[in-house]
Amino acid sequence: MPSNKSVSDAPISQFTNCWILREHALQREDLWVREGKILDPEKLFFDEQGYADQQVDCEASIIAPGFIDVQINGGYGVDFSQPSEDVTAGVSLVAKKILEHGVTSFCPTLVTSPPAVYHKVLPQIKVHNGGPHGAGVLGFHLEGPFISLEKKGAHPERYLRTFRSGGIEDLMEAYGSLDNVAMVTLAPELPRTQSVVRELCQRGITVSLGHSVANLSQAEDAVQHGASFITHLFNAMLPFHHRDPGIVGLLTSDQIPGGRTVFYGMIADGIHTNPAALRIAHRAHPSGLVLVTDGITAMGLPPGHHTLGQQVIEIQGLHAYVAGTKTLSGSIATMDMCVQHFKQASGCSVEEALEAASLHPAQLLGISHKKGSLDYGADADLVLLDDALNIRATYISGEEVWRKQA
């Protein structure tokens, strides 16, 4: 028999003794959750029962929205760009492991690959909510193959592509489908890019600029056609030059359509970006900074040789190189490490560090009405942290999915 219980009968959880990140400030108040959503306590007291069914003592923790990683290539021995494995099992393993780093939603990222890889991998993973089984999947981030030869980085040259028709046909030929795709990284200087950017944006897919030798004018043109993100700022793009700052110049461009924010990813692992560059970016455009791990197979594993798509990667300390070179190929830092390093290196506030891993990526993907904030009605995806921003516990839809063992 279907239940006739009203929403008001659903149990209410009250998180007490905590500091809540709300409206860009840490506020000393309780957090109320019902049916996986954040509840307005005023409505609760005036309209309904006025008490909680369950109380959670947070022991003076900070409660922030769950972290969202929009660029992660794998980890813990899993490479999302390797179709030979059971793709679903691989994504599930990473989804489970990143809970301990505060990540409640993510975009599995595929690096430049042959069409057969996309055609095999993409249909196997659907957008789905997180839970005790692991972080939720927001859709794929396809980084390439429509990128610059000169700035290919760790992407294999033989699989790079250009836009021959400038239409959806090029994308379909490469990817097979755009279902369950959240973001595409491309180089805006490639011929016939504008129509592709427009087409992707019309389908609700975020367009990111990266692995590119674009000048500022080409980058601005892409943004005017709908692009809204920069993939790992400073890495795999022309260095800033005072006469033509290239893609980096988007941070202070006066050619951005009114009211729009250009977001940019930063790998705050202390290796990909010098702390001074991190500070420059943050001070120039703080509201656009999105922390990403760019995590690869070797994240969570000991040093040695691992894969990234079709390349062999060598881990030396915290550096991940294409084997036999000094080309960096993603990171082995976890999201909580990036949050801590960003705060320490930039001198930003605790609130800014946490929002760069939660609110900003949610705004980028157009999901900030339900993810990335603790506003009333939002999903109760939460991370509990101590004052040093170490993760104490992770919740998805108000349910504890990971807790640090005492």
Protein backbone atom coordinates (compact mmCIF):
# COMPACT_ATOMS: atom_id res chain seq x y z
CA MET A 1 0.00 0.00 0.00
CA PRO A 2 1.35 3.49 -0.78
CA SER A 3 1.99 5.62 2.29
CA ASN A 4 -0.40 8.49 3.01
CA LYS A 5 2.08 10.15 5.35
CA SER A 6 2.40 13.86 4.67
CA VAL A 7 5.75 15.58 4.42
CA SER A 8 5.09 17.06 7.86
CA ASP A 9 5.17 13.52 9.30
CA ALA A 10 8.67 12.90 7.98
CA PRO A 11 11.35 12.84 10.70
CA ILE A 12 13.30 16.03 11.33
CA SER A 13 17.01 16.17 12.16
CA GLN A 14 18.49 19.10 14.05
CA PHE A 15 22.23 19.72 13.79
CA THR A 16 23.30 21.62 16.92
CA ASN A 17 26.50 23.14 18.34
CA CYS A 18 27.81 24.18 14.94
CA TRP A 19 28.79 27.10 12.71
CA ILE A 20 26.81 27.15 9.45
CA LEU A 21 28.12 28.63 6.20
CA ARG A 22 25.21 30.70 4.94
CA GLU A 23 25.14 33.96 2.95
CA HIS A 24 28.95 34.07 2.75
CA ALA A 25 29.35 34.01 6.55
CA LEU A 26 29.73 31.45 9.32
CA GLN A 27 26.70 31.76 11.57
CA ARG A 28 26.21 30.20 14.97
CA GLU A 29 22.84 28.52 14.60
CA ASP A 30 21.25 25.11 14.22
CA LEU A 31 20.60 23.39 10.90
CA TRP A 32 17.30 21.60 10.36
CA VAL A 33 16.82 18.82 7.80
CA ARG A 34 13.77 16.89 6.62
CA GLU A 35 13.33 14.54 3.64
CA GLY A 36 16.90 15.24 2.51
CA LYS A 37 16.31 19.01 2.29
CA ILE A 38 17.30 21.95 4.45
CA LEU A 39 14.30 23.20 6.40
CA ASP A 40 13.33 26.73 7.38
CA PRO A 41 13.05 26.48 11.18
CA GLU A 42 10.75 29.51 11.36
CA LYS A 43 8.15 27.67 9.30
CA LEU A 44 8.69 24.63 11.47
CA PHE A 45 8.00 26.48 14.71
CA PHE A 46 5.03 28.50 13.53
CA ASP A 47 3.26 25.92 11.38
CA GLU A 48 4.21 22.55 12.74
CA GLN A 49 5.56 20.59 15.66
CA GLY A 50 8.50 22.81 16.64
CA TYR A 51 10.88 20.06 17.65
CA ALA A 52 13.29 17.58 16.06
CA ASP A 53 13.00 13.80 16.00
CA GLN A 54 16.78 13.47 16.07
CA GLN A 55 19.53 15.78 17.31
CA VAL A 56 23.11 15.67 16.02
CA ASP A 57 25.71 17.30 18.27
CA CYS A 58 28.32 18.68 15.85
CA GLU A 59 30.83 19.42 18.63
CA ALA A 60 31.56 22.96 17.40
CA SER A 61 32.14 21.84 13.81
CA ILE A 62 31.77 24.06 10.78
CA ILE A 63 28.95 22.86 8.50
CA ALA A 64 29.51 23.71 4.84
CA PRO A 65 27.78 22.52 1.67
CA GLY A 66 29.25 19.29 0.31
CA PHE A 67 32.16 19.79 -2.07
CA ILE A 68 31.64 19.50 -5.83
CA ASP A 69 34.55 18.39 -8.05
CA VAL A 70 33.94 19.26 -11.70
CA GLN A 71 37.27 17.85 -12.92
CA ILE A 72 38.43 14.46 -11.69
CA ASN A 73 39.87 11.88 -14.09
CA GLY A 74 39.85 8.97 -11.66
CA GLY A 75 41.69 7.86 -8.56
CA TYR A 76 42.46 4.85 -6.36
CA GLY A 77 43.61 2.84 -9.38
CA VAL A 78 40.60 3.78 -11.53
CA ASP A 79 41.01 5.67 -14.82
CA PHE A 80 37.70 6.92 -16.21
CA SER A 81 39.26 7.09 -19.70
CA GLN A 82 40.11 3.37 -19.74
CA PRO A 83 37.15 1.46 -21.18
CA SER A 84 38.70 -1.95 -20.58
CA GLU A 85 37.56 -1.90 -16.96
CA ASP A 86 34.02 -2.19 -15.68
CA VAL A 87 33.26 1.52 -16.03
CA THR A 88 30.35 1.50 -13.59
CA ALA A 89 32.38 -0.27 -10.89
CA GLY A 90 35.28 2.13 -11.39
CA VAL A 91 33.15 5.26 -11.08
CA SER A 92 31.40 3.74 -8.05
CA LEU A 93 34.70 3.03 -6.31
CA VAL A 94 35.93 6.61 -6.75
CA ALA A 95 32.50 7.96 -5.74
CA LYS A 96 32.71 6.02 -2.48
CA LYS A 97 36.32 6.95 -1.67
CA ILE A 98 35.94 10.71 -2.21
CA LEU A 99 33.25 10.92 0.49
CA GLU A 100 36.02 11.02 3.08
CA HIS A 101 37.38 14.13 1.36
CA GLY A 102 34.05 15.95 1.61
CA VAL A 103 33.02 15.51 -2.03
CA THR A 104 29.28 14.84 -2.37
CA SER A 105 28.94 15.39 -6.16
CA PHE A 106 31.39 15.20 -9.07
CA CYS A 107 31.86 15.20 -12.83
CA PRO A 108 33.83 12.13 -13.99
CA THR A 109 36.29 13.59 -16.50
CA LEU A 110 37.53 11.92 -19.67
CA VAL A 111 40.75 13.14 -21.27
CA THR A 112 41.29 13.11 -25.05
CA SER A 113 40.55 9.58 -26.26
CA PRO A 114 39.66 7.75 -29.50
CA PRO A 115 35.94 7.74 -30.39
CA ALA A 116 35.62 4.08 -29.38
CA VAL A 117 36.39 5.02 -25.77
CA TYR A 118 33.70 7.71 -25.58
CA HIS A 119 31.19 5.48 -27.36
CA LYS A 120 31.78 2.72 -24.81
CA VAL A 121 32.14 4.73 -21.60
CA LEU A 122 29.52 7.47 -21.93
CA PRO A 123 26.40 5.26 -22.18
CA GLN A 124 27.36 3.35 -19.01
CA ILE A 125 27.17 6.20 -16.51
CA LYS A 126 23.97 8.12 -15.89
CA VAL A 127 23.49 11.27 -13.83
CA HIS A 128 22.40 10.14 -10.37
CA ASN A 129 22.17 11.32 -6.79
CA GLY A 130 24.68 10.39 -4.15
CA GLY A 131 24.08 8.41 -0.98
CA PRO A 132 25.80 5.84 1.24
CA HIS A 133 27.04 4.20 -1.97
CA GLY A 134 29.06 7.30 -2.89
CA ALA A 135 29.06 10.86 -4.23
CA GLY A 136 26.48 11.77 -6.86
CA VAL A 137 27.35 12.04 -10.56
CA LEU A 138 26.44 15.41 -12.12
CA GLY A 139 27.42 14.36 -15.64
CA PHE A 140 30.65 13.84 -17.56
CA HIS A 141 33.29 16.50 -18.17
CA LEU A 142 34.78 15.79 -21.61
CA GLU A 143 38.22 17.44 -21.70
CA GLY A 144 39.13 17.23 -25.38
CA PRO A 145 39.66 16.00 -28.05
CA PHE A 146 38.89 19.43 -29.61
CA ILE A 147 41.97 21.12 -28.17
CA SER A 148 45.22 22.74 -29.30
CA LEU A 149 48.16 20.67 -30.47
CA GLU A 150 50.58 23.21 -28.95
CA LYS A 151 48.93 23.00 -25.52
CA LYS A 152 47.95 19.36 -25.49
CA GLY A 153 49.74 18.74 -22.18
CA ALA A 154 49.29 15.09 -21.24
CA HIS A 155 46.64 14.53 -23.93
CA PRO A 156 47.75 12.12 -26.69
CA GLU A 157 48.38 13.98 -29.94
CA ARG A 158 47.12 11.24 -32.23
CA TYR A 159 43.54 11.56 -30.96
CA LEU A 160 43.20 15.35 -31.19
CA ARG A 161 40.40 16.57 -33.48
CA THR A 162 39.20 19.75 -35.15
CA PHE A 163 35.70 20.91 -36.09
CA ARG A 164 35.21 20.05 -39.73
CA SER A 165 31.56 21.08 -40.04
CA GLY A 166 31.32 23.34 -37.01
CA GLY A 167 28.13 21.61 -35.98
CA ILE A 168 26.73 18.90 -33.79
CA GLU A 169 27.96 16.27 -36.28
CA ASP A 170 31.57 16.71 -35.13
CA LEU A 171 30.59 16.20 -31.51
CA MET A 172 28.45 13.16 -32.24
CA GLU A 173 31.16 11.59 -34.35
CA ALA A 174 33.64 11.92 -31.51
CA TYR A 175 31.43 11.28 -28.48
CA GLY A 176 28.55 9.21 -29.87
CA SER A 177 26.09 11.00 -27.58
CA LEU A 178 25.80 14.08 -25.41
CA ASP A 179 23.46 12.43 -22.91
CA ASN A 180 24.75 12.73 -19.33
CA VAL A 181 27.43 15.24 -20.40
CA ALA A 182 27.73 18.26 -18.09
CA MET A 183 30.77 20.04 -19.54
CA VAL A 184 33.04 20.08 -22.59
CA THR A 185 36.53 21.65 -22.61
CA LEU A 186 37.63 22.93 -26.02
CA ALA A 187 40.12 25.36 -27.55
CA PRO A 188 38.19 28.44 -28.79
CA GLU A 189 40.72 29.30 -31.52
CA LEU A 190 39.89 26.17 -33.51
CA PRO A 191 38.01 27.09 -36.73
CA ARG A 192 34.20 26.84 -36.61
CA THR A 193 34.09 26.82 -32.80
CA GLN A 194 31.39 29.46 -32.31
CA SER A 195 28.50 27.37 -33.60
CA VAL A 196 29.67 24.40 -31.49
CA VAL A 197 29.80 26.55 -28.34
CA ARG A 198 26.32 27.87 -29.06
CA GLU A 199 24.93 24.38 -29.73
CA LEU A 200 26.37 22.95 -26.50
CA CYS A 201 25.06 25.85 -24.41
CA GLN A 202 21.59 25.48 -25.95
CA ARG A 203 21.64 21.88 -24.73
CA GLY A 204 22.47 23.00 -21.20
CA ILE A 205 26.07 21.81 -21.39
CA THR A 206 28.73 24.03 -19.81
CA VAL A 207 31.49 25.04 -22.22
CA SER A 208 35.00 25.48 -20.82
CA LEU A 209 38.03 26.98 -22.53
CA GLY A 210 41.33 25.18 -22.09
CA HIS A 211 44.34 23.44 -23.63
CA SER A 212 44.48 26.43 -25.91
CA VAL A 213 46.66 29.12 -27.50
CA ALA A 214 43.70 31.51 -27.85
CA ASN A 215 44.26 35.25 -27.61
CA LEU A 216 41.96 37.36 -25.45
CA SER A 217 39.70 38.34 -28.36
CA GLN A 218 39.09 34.69 -29.29
CA ALA A 219 38.38 33.83 -25.65
CA GLU A 220 35.96 36.76 -25.29
CA ASP A 221 34.19 35.71 -28.47
CA ALA A 222 33.65 32.22 -27.04
CA VAL A 223 32.25 33.68 -23.82
CA GLN A 224 29.89 35.90 -25.81
CA HIS A 225 28.61 32.72 -27.49
CA GLY A 226 28.03 31.08 -24.08
CA ALA A 227 31.31 29.65 -22.72
CA SER A 228 31.50 30.16 -18.94
CA PHE A 229 34.52 28.30 -17.54
CA ILE A 230 38.30 28.13 -17.88
CA THR A 231 39.89 24.70 -17.41
CA HIS A 232 42.77 24.76 -14.87
CA LEU A 233 43.72 28.44 -15.22
CA PHE A 234 47.36 29.12 -16.18
CA ASN A 235 47.98 25.47 -17.07
CA ALA A 236 47.92 24.45 -20.77
CA MET A 237 47.35 27.98 -22.09
CA LEU A 238 49.46 30.93 -23.20
CA PRO A 239 51.14 32.67 -20.28
CA PHE A 240 49.85 36.11 -19.35
CA HIS A 241 51.33 38.84 -21.56
CA HIS A 242 50.60 42.50 -20.91
CA ARG A 243 49.74 43.30 -24.55
CA ASP A 244 47.54 40.25 -25.06
CA PRO A 245 46.75 38.43 -21.81
CA GLY A 246 45.10 35.47 -23.61
CA ILE A 247 42.50 33.38 -21.78
CA VAL A 248 43.84 34.64 -18.43
CA GLY A 249 42.56 38.09 -19.42
CA LEU A 250 38.96 36.88 -19.08
CA LEU A 251 39.30 37.36 -15.31
CA THR A 252 39.17 41.15 -15.77
CA SER A 253 37.67 41.47 -19.25
CA ASP A 254 35.16 44.24 -19.90
CA GLN A 255 33.64 42.26 -22.78
CA ILE A 256 31.65 39.77 -20.70
CA PRO A 257 27.88 39.95 -21.32
CA GLY A 258 26.11 41.78 -18.49
CA GLY A 259 25.55 39.95 -15.25
CA ARG A 260 27.50 36.84 -16.22
CA THR A 261 30.41 35.39 -14.28
CA VAL A 262 33.28 33.64 -16.00
CA PHE A 263 34.38 30.88 -13.65
CA TYR A 264 37.85 29.35 -13.66
CA GLY A 265 39.27 26.13 -12.27
CA MET A 266 42.34 26.12 -10.04
CA ILE A 267 44.36 23.06 -9.05
CA ALA A 268 45.44 24.29 -5.61
CA ASP A 269 47.90 21.47 -4.91
CA GLY A 270 51.01 23.63 -4.49
CA ILE A 271 52.48 22.18 -7.70
CA HIS A 272 50.37 23.17 -10.70
CA THR A 273 50.15 26.82 -9.71
CA ASN A 274 52.60 28.91 -7.72
CA PRO A 275 50.96 30.41 -4.62
CA ALA A 276 51.62 33.90 -6.01
CA ALA A 277 49.66 33.05 -9.19
CA LEU A 278 46.86 31.64 -7.04
CA ARG A 279 46.76 34.91 -5.10
CA ILE A 280 46.75 37.01 -8.29
CA ALA A 281 43.79 35.09 -9.72
CA HIS A 282 41.83 35.13 -6.47
CA ARG A 283 42.34 38.85 -5.88
CA ALA A 284 41.45 39.70 -9.47
CA HIS A 285 38.24 37.64 -9.59
CA PRO A 286 37.36 35.94 -6.28
CA SER A 287 33.73 35.10 -7.18
CA GLY A 288 34.80 32.97 -10.16
CA LEU A 289 37.35 30.69 -8.50
CA VAL A 290 36.42 26.98 -8.59
CA LEU A 291 38.70 24.49 -6.86
CA VAL A 292 39.23 21.28 -8.85
CA THR A 293 41.44 18.32 -8.04
CA ASP A 294 42.15 17.22 -11.63
CA GLY A 295 42.66 13.94 -9.79
CA ILE A 296 44.14 11.04 -11.73
CA THR A 297 44.37 7.26 -11.28
CA ALA A 298 47.26 7.62 -8.85
CA MET A 299 45.30 9.71 -6.35
CA GLY A 300 45.30 7.68 -3.15
CA LEU A 301 48.01 5.29 -4.41
CA PRO A 302 51.76 5.04 -3.68
CA PRO A 303 54.42 6.43 -6.08
CA GLY A 304 55.09 4.48 -9.28
CA HIS A 305 53.69 4.14 -12.79
CA HIS A 306 49.97 4.53 -13.51
CA THR A 307 47.78 5.47 -16.48
CA LEU A 308 45.85 8.53 -17.62
CA GLY A 309 43.79 7.57 -20.64
CA GLN A 310 46.25 6.38 -23.28
CA GLN A 311 49.37 7.70 -21.48
CA VAL A 312 51.67 6.21 -18.82
CA ILE A 313 52.05 8.50 -15.81
CA GLU A 314 54.91 8.47 -13.32
CA ILE A 315 54.36 9.66 -9.75
CA GLN A 316 57.31 11.30 -8.02
CA GLY A 317 56.34 12.63 -4.61
CA LEU A 318 53.32 14.88 -5.23
CA HIS A 319 54.22 15.35 -8.92
CA ALA A 320 52.47 13.36 -11.67
CA TYR A 321 54.41 13.43 -14.96
CA VAL A 322 53.88 11.86 -18.36
CA ALA A 323 56.45 9.06 -18.08
CA GLY A 324 59.91 10.06 -19.30
CA THR A 325 59.04 13.80 -19.40
CA LYS A 326 58.47 16.73 -17.06
CA THR A 327 54.94 17.32 -18.43
CA LEU A 328 52.47 17.53 -15.55
CA SER A 329 49.41 15.35 -16.02
CA GLY A 330 46.82 16.06 -13.40
CA SER A 331 47.04 15.93 -9.65
CA ILE A 332 47.03 13.45 -6.80
CA ALA A 333 45.72 16.01 -4.31
CA THR A 334 42.28 15.46 -2.75
CA MET A 335 39.63 18.18 -2.52
CA ASP A 336 40.06 18.76 1.22
CA MET A 337 43.81 19.22 0.64
CA CYS A 338 43.05 21.76 -2.11
CA VAL A 339 40.69 23.71 0.16
CA GLN A 340 43.29 23.83 2.93
CA HIS A 341 46.12 24.80 0.57
CA PHE A 342 44.02 27.47 -1.13
CA LYS A 343 43.19 29.11 2.20
CA GLN A 344 46.79 28.96 3.41
CA ALA A 345 48.34 30.15 0.12
CA SER A 346 45.83 32.90 -0.70
CA GLY A 347 45.14 34.23 2.76
CA CYS A 348 41.42 34.08 1.96
CA SER A 349 38.74 33.58 4.59
CA VAL A 350 37.42 30.20 5.65
CA GLU A 351 34.14 31.11 3.97
CA GLU A 352 35.83 31.88 0.63
CA ALA A 353 37.85 28.66 0.71
CA LEU A 354 34.73 26.57 1.33
CA GLU A 355 32.61 28.37 -1.28
CA ALA A 356 35.30 27.81 -3.93
CA ALA A 357 34.68 24.06 -3.52
CA SER A 358 30.89 24.20 -3.17
CA LEU A 359 28.92 27.31 -4.13
CA HIS A 360 31.03 28.34 -7.13
CA PRO A 361 31.02 24.95 -8.91
CA ALA A 362 27.27 24.72 -8.30
CA GLN A 363 26.77 28.19 -9.81
CA LEU A 364 28.96 27.20 -12.76
CA LEU A 365 26.79 24.16 -13.52
CA GLY A 366 23.53 26.05 -12.92
CA ILE A 367 22.50 23.91 -9.94
CA SER A 368 23.00 26.37 -7.06
CA HIS A 369 19.27 26.25 -6.25
CA LYS A 370 19.80 22.72 -4.92
CA LYS A 371 23.55 22.16 -4.44
CA GLY A 372 26.44 24.22 -3.11
CA SER A 373 24.54 26.19 -0.46
CA LEU A 374 22.72 25.66 2.82
CA ASP A 375 19.73 27.77 1.78
CA TYR A 376 16.27 26.59 2.78
CA GLY A 377 15.00 24.00 0.32
CA ALA A 378 18.47 23.01 -0.91
CA ASP A 379 19.70 19.42 -0.78
CA ALA A 380 21.16 18.58 2.62
CA ASP A 381 24.56 17.60 1.21
CA LEU A 382 26.84 18.62 4.06
CA VAL A 383 30.42 18.41 5.20
CA LEU A 384 31.42 18.85 8.85
CA LEU A 385 34.90 20.29 9.38
CA ASP A 386 37.11 21.33 12.27
CA ASP A 387 38.74 24.77 12.47
CA ALA A 388 41.73 23.56 10.42
CA LEU A 389 39.28 22.44 7.68
CA ASN A 390 39.84 18.73 8.25
CA ILE A 391 36.79 16.64 7.36
CA ARG A 392 34.95 15.18 10.34
CA ALA A 393 31.89 13.80 8.56
CA THR A 394 30.06 13.88 5.24
CA TYR A 395 26.29 13.82 4.74
CA ILE A 396 24.23 13.39 1.57
CA SER A 397 20.52 14.24 1.64
CA GLY A 398 20.84 14.58 5.42
CA GLU A 399 22.18 11.05 5.83
CA GLU A 400 25.64 10.40 7.26
CA VAL A 401 27.72 8.66 4.57
CA TRP A 402 31.19 8.96 6.12
CA ARG A 403 32.64 9.83 9.51
CA LYS A 404 36.23 10.07 10.64
CA GLN A 405 37.03 7.38 13.14
CA ALA A 406 38.07 8.71 16.54
